[in-house]
Amino acid sequence: MSLILALAVGACSPAFDWRETRPPDAGVELNLPCKPSLQSRRSPTGLRMGLARCEAGGEEFALSWAELPEPAAAGSAMAQMHAALLRQLGGQPSQAEPFAVSGMTPSPEAVMQRVDGASHARLAVFNRGLKVYQLVVRSDKPIADAHWNDFASSVRLID
């Protein structure tokens, strides 16, 4: 009887268990569909960097961020983050579209994009002051618009 109950409960467990997350020192809160692992480090050039990521339903959800030494470097840093991720993903990127989060620093480099090929991804880059951010959902299968929208629209910049 307990085996049947365990199987029934397991069958009802959702693949996506959305929860609010506030990674330390990120200056952002957002919803992730699973409990994230958190990492932080300093780059070889001394930048403080962080990553919050998790996997649910065959998709990887990630927020990465870096703190820059001066605000003027933000546009260049976003462009470099974006280009590096596109190279890593391969595939065919869609036309980049403007991306906005309430309270962010306006920038033409703040964009979102879809990549399809051997793997699939949705990504966005944006900044606020000294911090630059990158959102990514990655999978071997096409990513449901609802998953990306739930993730990207949940981002709230905090002090």
Foldseek 3Di string as FASTA:
>chain_A
DVVVVVVVVVVPDALFCWDWDDQPPQQKIFIGRDAWDKDWDADPVGKTKIKTWDDTPQKIKMKIKIFAPFQVCQLVVLVVVVVVVCVVVPADKDDWDADDDPQFDDDPSFTWIWGDDQKTKIKTWTGHTRMIMMIMMIGSDYDDPVNVCRGRNGMDGHD
